[in-house]
Amino acid sequence: MSNQIQRAAVSIASNISEGEERTSVKENIHFLNIAKGSSAEVITQLNIALKIGYLDEKTFEKLEDQTEKIRASLRNLIKSKKV
């Protein structure tokens, strides 16, 4: 499970980076949406880890909050590029 969370977290950064290298706004937004999807995947995996006892509540809340902030930032970045 920790490997899956790590892969999804790396995917966030990788897709942001790849999107920034694209020449069109449409392609850039596509990769930002993939990154946002990976952040949702991280949150889902964290919820599962909490439910099966791999994470304590305090650690879960901290990690979920950080990931939600990333997801909100991506959402705002996508909105700003659509204007």
PDB file of N, CA and C in Angstrom:
ATOM      1  N   MET A   1       0.823  -1.191   0.000  1.00  0.00           N
ATOM      2  CA  MET A   1       0.000   0.000   0.000  1.00  0.00           C
ATOM      3  C   MET A   1       0.868   1.256   0.000  1.00  0.00           C
ATOM      4  N   SER A   2       1.924   1.258   0.769  1.00  0.00           N
ATOM      5  CA  SER A   2       2.778   2.449   0.791  1.00  0.00           C
ATOM      6  C   SER A   2       3.411   2.693  -0.574  1.00  0.00           C
ATOM      7  N   ASN A   3       3.739   1.612  -1.287  1.00  0.00           N
ATOM      8  CA  ASN A   3       4.291   1.777  -2.636  1.00  0.00           C
ATOM      9  C   ASN A   3       3.280   2.421  -3.577  1.00  0.00           C
ATOM     10  N   GLN A   4       2.032   2.039  -3.450  1.00  0.00           N
ATOM     11  CA  GLN A   4       0.998   2.602  -4.313  1.00  0.00           C
ATOM     12  C   GLN A   4       0.795   4.086  -4.017  1.00  0.00           C
ATOM     13  N   ILE A   5       0.816   4.452  -2.755  1.00  0.00           N
ATOM     14  CA  ILE A   5       0.696   5.865  -2.374  1.00  0.00           C
ATOM     15  C   ILE A   5       1.890   6.644  -2.906  1.00  0.00           C
ATOM     16  N   GLN A   6       3.076   6.077  -2.780  1.00  0.00           N
ATOM     17  CA  GLN A   6       4.279   6.752  -3.284  1.00  0.00           C
ATOM     18  C   GLN A   6       4.218   6.930  -4.793  1.00  0.00           C
ATOM     19  N   ARG A   7       3.776   5.923  -5.511  1.00  0.00           N
ATOM     20  CA  ARG A   7       3.679   6.027  -6.978  1.00  0.00           C
ATOM     21  C   ARG A   7       2.686   7.116  -7.378  1.00  0.00           C
ATOM     22  N   ALA A   8       1.559   7.178  -6.692  1.00  0.00           N
ATOM     23  CA  ALA A   8       0.559   8.202  -7.006  1.00  0.00           C
ATOM     24  C   ALA A   8       1.098   9.599  -6.688  1.00  0.00           C
ATOM     25  N   ALA A   9       1.824   9.720  -5.586  1.00  0.00           N
ATOM     26  CA  ALA A   9       2.405  11.019  -5.217  1.00  0.00           C
ATOM     27  C   ALA A   9       3.455  11.457  -6.232  1.00  0.00           C
ATOM     28  N   VAL A  10       4.276  10.527  -6.675  1.00  0.00           N
ATOM     29  CA  VAL A  10       5.280  10.839  -7.702  1.00  0.00           C
ATOM     30  C   VAL A  10       4.586  11.214  -9.011  1.00  0.00           C
ATOM     31  N   SER A  11       3.477  10.558  -9.301  1.00  0.00           N
ATOM     32  CA  SER A  11       2.713  10.857 -10.511  1.00  0.00           C
ATOM     33  C   SER A  11       2.214  12.296 -10.514  1.00  0.00           C
ATOM     34  N   ILE A  12       1.851  12.818  -9.363  1.00  0.00           N
ATOM     35  CA  ILE A  12       1.398  14.212  -9.277  1.00  0.00           C
ATOM     36  C   ILE A  12       2.494  15.137  -9.796  1.00  0.00           C
ATOM     37  N   ALA A  13       3.662  15.035  -9.207  1.00  0.00           N
ATOM     38  CA  ALA A  13       4.775  15.907  -9.601  1.00  0.00           C
ATOM     39  C   ALA A  13       5.193  15.672 -11.049  1.00  0.00           C
ATOM     40  N   SER A  14       5.237  14.427 -11.448  1.00  0.00           N
ATOM     41  CA  SER A  14       5.672  14.096 -12.813  1.00  0.00           C
ATOM     42  C   SER A  14       4.722  14.661 -13.859  1.00  0.00           C
ATOM     43  N   ASN A  15       3.428  14.566 -13.613  1.00  0.00           N
ATOM     44  CA  ASN A  15       2.465  15.076 -14.585  1.00  0.00           C
ATOM     45  C   ASN A  15       2.421  16.598 -14.615  1.00  0.00           C
ATOM     46  N   ILE A  16       2.633  17.244 -13.489  1.00  0.00           N
ATOM     47  CA  ILE A  16       2.745  18.702 -13.491  1.00  0.00           C
ATOM     48  C   ILE A  16       3.935  19.108 -14.353  1.00  0.00           C
ATOM     49  N   SER A  17       5.053  18.458 -14.129  1.00  0.00           N
ATOM     50  CA  SER A  17       6.272  18.762 -14.882  1.00  0.00           C
ATOM     51  C   SER A  17       6.086  18.501 -16.373  1.00  0.00           C
ATOM     52  N   GLU A  18       5.524  17.353 -16.702  1.00  0.00           N
ATOM     53  CA  GLU A  18       5.330  17.020 -18.111  1.00  0.00           C
ATOM     54  C   GLU A  18       4.374  18.017 -18.780  1.00  0.00           C
ATOM     55  N   GLY A  19       3.325  18.385 -18.075  1.00  0.00           N
ATOM     56  CA  GLY A  19       2.368  19.344 -18.621  1.00  0.00           C
ATOM     57  C   GLY A  19       2.989  20.699 -18.892  1.00  0.00           C
ATOM     58  N   GLU A  20       3.897  21.118 -18.033  1.00  0.00           N
ATOM     59  CA  GLU A  20       4.546  22.415 -18.216  1.00  0.00           C
ATOM     60  C   GLU A  20       5.435  22.436 -19.449  1.00  0.00           C
ATOM     61  N   GLU A  21       5.873  21.289 -19.896  1.00  0.00           N
ATOM     62  CA  GLU A  21       6.727  21.205 -21.076  1.00  0.00           C
ATOM     63  C   GLU A  21       5.925  21.141 -22.372  1.00  0.00           C
ATOM     64  N   ARG A  22       4.626  20.980 -22.274  1.00  0.00           N
ATOM     65  CA  ARG A  22       3.783  20.906 -23.472  1.00  0.00           C
ATOM     66  C   ARG A  22       3.597  22.298 -24.064  1.00  0.00           C
ATOM     67  N   THR A  23       3.418  22.345 -25.363  1.00  0.00           N
ATOM     68  CA  THR A  23       3.341  23.638 -26.044  1.00  0.00           C
ATOM     69  C   THR A  23       1.941  24.228 -26.082  1.00  0.00           C
ATOM     70  N   SER A  24       0.924  23.405 -25.924  1.00  0.00           N
ATOM     71  CA  SER A  24      -0.437  23.956 -25.964  1.00  0.00           C
ATOM     72  C   SER A  24      -1.058  23.966 -24.565  1.00  0.00           C
ATOM     73  N   VAL A  25      -1.927  24.918 -24.358  1.00  0.00           N
ATOM     74  CA  VAL A  25      -2.642  25.019 -23.082  1.00  0.00           C
ATOM     75  C   VAL A  25      -3.505  23.783 -22.878  1.00  0.00           C
ATOM     76  N   LYS A  26      -4.113  23.296 -23.951  1.00  0.00           N
ATOM     77  CA  LYS A  26      -4.972  22.111 -23.857  1.00  0.00           C
ATOM     78  C   LYS A  26      -4.188  20.908 -23.337  1.00  0.00           C
ATOM     79  N   GLU A  27      -2.991  20.695 -23.872  1.00  0.00           N
ATOM     80  CA  GLU A  27      -2.154  19.585 -23.397  1.00  0.00           C
ATOM     81  C   GLU A  27      -1.713  19.808 -21.958  1.00  0.00           C
ATOM     82  N   ASN A  28      -1.358  21.049 -21.643  1.00  0.00           N
ATOM     83  CA  ASN A  28      -0.935  21.374 -20.281  1.00  0.00           C
ATOM     84  C   ASN A  28      -2.049  21.048 -19.290  1.00  0.00           C
ATOM     85  N   ILE A  29      -3.265  21.470 -19.606  1.00  0.00           N
ATOM     86  CA  ILE A  29      -4.413  21.204 -18.732  1.00  0.00           C
ATOM     87  C   ILE A  29      -4.665  19.704 -18.616  1.00  0.00           C
ATOM     88  N   HIS A  30      -4.487  18.975 -19.707  1.00  0.00           N
ATOM     89  CA  HIS A  30      -4.667  17.518 -19.680  1.00  0.00           C
ATOM     90  C   HIS A  30      -3.771  16.885 -18.613  1.00  0.00           C
ATOM     91  N   PHE A  31      -2.506  17.263 -18.598  1.00  0.00           N
ATOM     92  CA  PHE A  31      -1.585  16.680 -17.622  1.00  0.00           C
ATOM     93  C   PHE A  31      -1.859  17.179 -16.206  1.00  0.00           C
ATOM     94  N   LEU A  32      -2.333  18.406 -16.065  1.00  0.00           N
ATOM     95  CA  LEU A  32      -2.716  18.892 -14.740  1.00  0.00           C
ATOM     96  C   LEU A  32      -3.916  18.109 -14.211  1.00  0.00           C
ATOM     97  N   ASN A  33      -4.834  17.757 -15.102  1.00  0.00           N
ATOM     98  CA  ASN A  33      -5.980  16.934 -14.689  1.00  0.00           C
ATOM     99  C   ASN A  33      -5.546  15.531 -14.273  1.00  0.00           C
ATOM    100  N   ILE A  34      -4.566  14.988 -14.951  1.00  0.00           N
ATOM    101  CA  ILE A  34      -4.032  13.686 -14.543  1.00  0.00           C
ATOM    102  C   ILE A  34      -3.407  13.808 -13.152  1.00  0.00           C
ATOM    103  N   ALA A  35      -2.664  14.886 -12.920  1.00  0.00           N
ATOM    104  CA  ALA A  35      -2.059  15.108 -11.601  1.00  0.00           C
ATOM    105  C   ALA A  35      -3.140  15.238 -10.534  1.00  0.00           C
ATOM    106  N   LYS A  36      -4.216  15.949 -10.853  1.00  0.00           N
ATOM    107  CA  LYS A  36      -5.316  16.101  -9.901  1.00  0.00           C
ATOM    108  C   LYS A  36      -5.950  14.745  -9.608  1.00  0.00           C
ATOM    109  N   GLY A  37      -6.082  13.917 -10.635  1.00  0.00           N
ATOM    110  CA  GLY A  37      -6.605  12.566 -10.431  1.00  0.00           C
ATOM    111  C   GLY A  37      -5.704  11.737  -9.533  1.00  0.00           C
ATOM    112  N   SER A  38      -4.402  11.907  -9.699  1.00  0.00           N
ATOM    113  CA  SER A  38      -3.450  11.184  -8.835  1.00  0.00           C
ATOM    114  C   SER A  38      -3.566  11.651  -7.391  1.00  0.00           C
ATOM    115  N   SER A  39      -3.865  12.935  -7.186  1.00  0.00           N
ATOM    116  CA  SER A  39      -4.048  13.411  -5.812  1.00  0.00           C
ATOM    117  C   SER A  39      -5.294  12.776  -5.196  1.00  0.00           C
ATOM    118  N   ALA A  40      -6.332  12.594  -5.991  1.00  0.00           N
ATOM    119  CA  ALA A  40      -7.529  11.900  -5.492  1.00  0.00           C
ATOM    120  C   ALA A  40      -7.199  10.455  -5.147  1.00  0.00           C
ATOM    121  N   GLU A  41      -6.344   9.841  -5.963  1.00  0.00           N
ATOM    122  CA  GLU A  41      -5.914   8.475  -5.687  1.00  0.00           C
ATOM    123  C   GLU A  41      -5.161   8.393  -4.361  1.00  0.00           C
ATOM    124  N   VAL A  42      -4.288   9.362  -4.103  1.00  0.00           N
ATOM    125  CA  VAL A  42      -3.551   9.390  -2.831  1.00  0.00           C
ATOM    126  C   VAL A  42      -4.536   9.468  -1.666  1.00  0.00           C
ATOM    127  N   ILE A  43      -5.515  10.346  -1.768  1.00  0.00           N
ATOM    128  CA  ILE A  43      -6.487  10.498  -0.684  1.00  0.00           C
ATOM    129  C   ILE A  43      -7.274   9.206  -0.470  1.00  0.00           C
ATOM    130  N   THR A  44      -7.656   8.554  -1.547  1.00  0.00           N
ATOM    131  CA  THR A  44      -8.359   7.269  -1.430  1.00  0.00           C
ATOM    132  C   THR A  44      -7.494   6.234  -0.725  1.00  0.00           C
ATOM    133  N   GLN A  45      -6.241   6.140  -1.125  1.00  0.00           N
ATOM    134  CA  GLN A  45      -5.323   5.184  -0.508  1.00  0.00           C
ATOM    135  C   GLN A  45      -5.092   5.510   0.965  1.00  0.00           C
ATOM    136  N   LEU A  46      -5.016   6.794   1.301  1.00  0.00           N
ATOM    137  CA  LEU A  46      -4.859   7.180   2.707  1.00  0.00           C
ATOM    138  C   LEU A  46      -6.079   6.758   3.520  1.00  0.00           C
ATOM    139  N   ASN A  47      -7.263   6.937   2.951  1.00  0.00           N
ATOM    140  CA  ASN A  47      -8.486   6.509   3.641  1.00  0.00           C
ATOM    141  C   ASN A  47      -8.497   5.002   3.884  1.00  0.00           C
ATOM    142  N   ILE A  48      -8.078   4.255   2.894  1.00  0.00           N
ATOM    143  CA  ILE A  48      -8.000   2.801   3.053  1.00  0.00           C
ATOM    144  C   ILE A  48      -6.981   2.442   4.126  1.00  0.00           C
ATOM    145  N   ALA A  49      -5.824   3.093   4.076  1.00  0.00           N
ATOM    146  CA  ALA A  49      -4.776   2.825   5.072  1.00  0.00           C
ATOM    147  C   ALA A  49      -5.275   3.119   6.484  1.00  0.00           C
ATOM    148  N   LEU A  50      -6.059   4.174   6.642  1.00  0.00           N
ATOM    149  CA  LEU A  50      -6.631   4.496   7.951  1.00  0.00           C
ATOM    150  C   LEU A  50      -7.605   3.404   8.383  1.00  0.00           C
ATOM    151  N   LYS A  51      -8.489   3.005   7.482  1.00  0.00           N
ATOM    152  CA  LYS A  51      -9.516   2.015   7.828  1.00  0.00           C
ATOM    153  C   LYS A  51      -8.948   0.648   8.182  1.00  0.00           C
ATOM    154  N   ILE A  52      -7.835   0.280   7.581  1.00  0.00           N
ATOM    155  CA  ILE A  52      -7.264  -1.040   7.895  1.00  0.00           C
ATOM    156  C   ILE A  52      -6.170  -0.966   8.961  1.00  0.00           C
ATOM    157  N   GLY A  53      -5.982   0.239   9.522  1.00  0.00           N
ATOM    158  CA  GLY A  53      -5.079   0.375  10.659  1.00  0.00           C
ATOM    159  C   GLY A  53      -3.618   0.630  10.321  1.00  0.00           C
ATOM    160  N   TYR A  54      -3.310   0.942   9.070  1.00  0.00           N
ATOM    161  CA  TYR A  54      -1.919   1.241   8.700  1.00  0.00           C
ATOM    162  C   TYR A  54      -1.513   2.653   9.110  1.00  0.00           C
ATOM    163  N   LEU A  55      -2.495   3.540   9.270  1.00  0.00           N
ATOM    164  CA  LEU A  55      -2.239   4.924   9.683  1.00  0.00           C
ATOM    165  C   LEU A  55      -3.050   5.242  10.919  1.00  0.00           C
ATOM    166  N   ASP A  56      -2.487   6.065  11.797  1.00  0.00           N
ATOM    167  CA  ASP A  56      -3.278   6.573  12.913  1.00  0.00           C
ATOM    168  C   ASP A  56      -4.007   7.833  12.432  1.00  0.00           C
ATOM    169  N   GLU A  57      -5.006   8.242  13.183  1.00  0.00           N
ATOM    170  CA  GLU A  57      -5.865   9.369  12.797  1.00  0.00           C
ATOM    171  C   GLU A  57      -5.078  10.665  12.597  1.00  0.00           C
ATOM    172  N   LYS A  58      -4.143  10.939  13.480  1.00  0.00           N
ATOM    173  CA  LYS A  58      -3.368  12.184  13.392  1.00  0.00           C
ATOM    174  C   LYS A  58      -2.536  12.231  12.111  1.00  0.00           C
ATOM    175  N   THR A  59      -1.859  11.152  11.803  1.00  0.00           N
ATOM    176  CA  THR A  59      -1.043  11.092  10.578  1.00  0.00           C
ATOM    177  C   THR A  59      -1.931  11.199   9.350  1.00  0.00           C
ATOM    178  N   PHE A  60      -3.055  10.479   9.373  1.00  0.00           N
ATOM    179  CA  PHE A  60      -3.997  10.542   8.263  1.00  0.00           C
ATOM    180  C   PHE A  60      -4.456  11.974   8.015  1.00  0.00           C
ATOM    181  N   GLU A  61      -4.887  12.650   9.074  1.00  0.00           N
ATOM    182  CA  GLU A  61      -5.395  14.021   8.928  1.00  0.00           C
ATOM    183  C   GLU A  61      -4.334  14.956   8.350  1.00  0.00           C
ATOM    184  N   LYS A  62      -3.106  14.819   8.799  1.00  0.00           N
ATOM    185  CA  LYS A  62      -2.018  15.664   8.290  1.00  0.00           C
ATOM    186  C   LYS A  62      -1.780  15.401   6.799  1.00  0.00           C
ATOM    187  N   LEU A  63      -1.671  14.135   6.431  1.00  0.00           N
ATOM    188  CA  LEU A  63      -1.411  13.788   5.032  1.00  0.00           C
ATOM    189  C   LEU A  63      -2.589  14.127   4.131  1.00  0.00           C
ATOM    190  N   GLU A  64      -3.796  13.893   4.616  1.00  0.00           N
ATOM    191  CA  GLU A  64      -4.977  14.224   3.821  1.00  0.00           C
ATOM    192  C   GLU A  64      -5.066  15.733   3.594  1.00  0.00           C
ATOM    193  N   ASP A  65      -4.804  16.514   4.631  1.00  0.00           N
ATOM    194  CA  ASP A  65      -4.851  17.972   4.509  1.00  0.00           C
ATOM    195  C   ASP A  65      -3.825  18.462   3.489  1.00  0.00           C
ATOM    196  N   GLN A  66      -2.621  17.941   3.551  1.00  0.00           N
ATOM    197  CA  GLN A  66      -1.585  18.345   2.600  1.00  0.00           C
ATOM    198  C   GLN A  66      -1.986  17.990   1.167  1.00  0.00           C
ATOM    199  N   THR A  67      -2.540  16.808   0.997  1.00  0.00           N
ATOM    200  CA  THR A  67      -2.939  16.370  -0.339  1.00  0.00           C
ATOM    201  C   THR A  67      -4.131  17.173  -0.844  1.00  0.00           C
ATOM    202  N   GLU A  68      -5.069  17.500   0.030  1.00  0.00           N
ATOM    203  CA  GLU A  68      -6.213  18.339  -0.360  1.00  0.00           C
ATOM    204  C   GLU A  68      -5.745  19.722  -0.806  1.00  0.00           C
ATOM    205  N   LYS A  69      -4.729  20.256  -0.151  1.00  0.00           N
ATOM    206  CA  LYS A  69      -4.187  21.565  -0.551  1.00  0.00           C
ATOM    207  C   LYS A  69      -3.564  21.486  -1.946  1.00  0.00           C
ATOM    208  N   ILE A  70      -2.881  20.405  -2.218  1.00  0.00           N
ATOM    209  CA  ILE A  70      -2.304  20.209  -3.551  1.00  0.00           C
ATOM    210  C   ILE A  70      -3.414  20.101  -4.585  1.00  0.00           C
ATOM    211  N   ARG A  71      -4.438  19.324  -4.275  1.00  0.00           N
ATOM    212  CA  ARG A  71      -5.552  19.144  -5.209  1.00  0.00           C
ATOM    213  C   ARG A  71      -6.261  20.472  -5.468  1.00  0.00           C
ATOM    214  N   ALA A  72      -6.467  21.271  -4.433  1.00  0.00           N
ATOM    215  CA  ALA A  72      -7.107  22.581  -4.597  1.00  0.00           C
ATOM    216  C   ALA A  72      -6.230  23.505  -5.444  1.00  0.00           C
ATOM    217  N   SER A  73      -4.932  23.450  -5.222  1.00  0.00           N
ATOM    218  CA  SER A  73      -4.012  24.273  -6.024  1.00  0.00           C
ATOM    219  C   SER A  73      -4.070  23.873  -7.488  1.00  0.00           C
ATOM    220  N   LEU A  74      -4.113  22.584  -7.748  1.00  0.00           N
ATOM    221  CA  LEU A  74      -4.219  22.112  -9.132  1.00  0.00           C
ATOM    222  C   LEU A  74      -5.533  22.553  -9.756  1.00  0.00           C
ATOM    223  N   ARG A  75      -6.615  22.445  -9.004  1.00  0.00           N
ATOM    224  CA  ARG A  75      -7.928  22.876  -9.496  1.00  0.00           C
ATOM    225  C   ARG A  75      -7.897  24.357  -9.877  1.00  0.00           C
ATOM    226  N   ASN A  76      -7.295  25.188  -9.021  1.00  0.00           N
ATOM    227  CA  ASN A  76      -7.198  26.616  -9.285  1.00  0.00           C
ATOM    228  C   ASN A  76      -6.296  26.912 -10.480  1.00  0.00           C
ATOM    229  N   LEU A  77      -5.206  26.176 -10.596  1.00  0.00           N
ATOM    230  CA  LEU A  77      -4.296  26.357 -11.725  1.00  0.00           C
ATOM    231  C   LEU A  77      -5.000  26.005 -13.036  1.00  0.00           C
ATOM    232  N   ILE A  78      -5.755  24.924 -13.026  1.00  0.00           N
ATOM    233  CA  ILE A  78      -6.496  24.528 -14.219  1.00  0.00           C
ATOM    234  C   ILE A  78      -7.498  25.609 -14.604  1.00  0.00           C
ATOM    235  N   LYS A  79      -8.225  26.112 -13.615  1.00  0.00           N
ATOM    236  CA  LYS A  79      -9.206  27.186 -13.879  1.00  0.00           C
ATOM    237  C   LYS A  79      -8.529  28.407 -14.484  1.00  0.00           C
ATOM    238  N   SER A  80      -7.370  28.771 -13.955  1.00  0.00           N
ATOM    239  CA  SER A  80      -6.675  29.970 -14.440  1.00  0.00           C
ATOM    240  C   SER A  80      -6.205  29.801 -15.879  1.00  0.00           C
ATOM    241  N   LYS A  81      -5.897  28.596 -16.285  1.00  0.00           N
ATOM    242  CA  LYS A  81      -5.427  28.346 -17.646  1.00  0.00           C
ATOM    243  C   LYS A  81      -6.565  28.265 -18.645  1.00  0.00           C
ATOM    244  N   LYS A  82      -7.782  28.036 -18.169  1.00  0.00           N
ATOM    245  CA  LYS A  82      -8.939  27.933 -19.053  1.00  0.00           C
ATOM    246  C   LYS A  82      -9.486  29.302 -19.455  1.00  0.00           C
ATOM    247  N   VAL A  83      -9.038  30.343 -18.808  1.00  0.00           N
ATOM    248  CA  VAL A  83      -9.544  31.704 -19.103  1.00  0.00           C
ATOM    249  C   VAL A  83      -9.044  32.203 -20.424  1.00  0.00           C
TER     250      VAL A  83
END
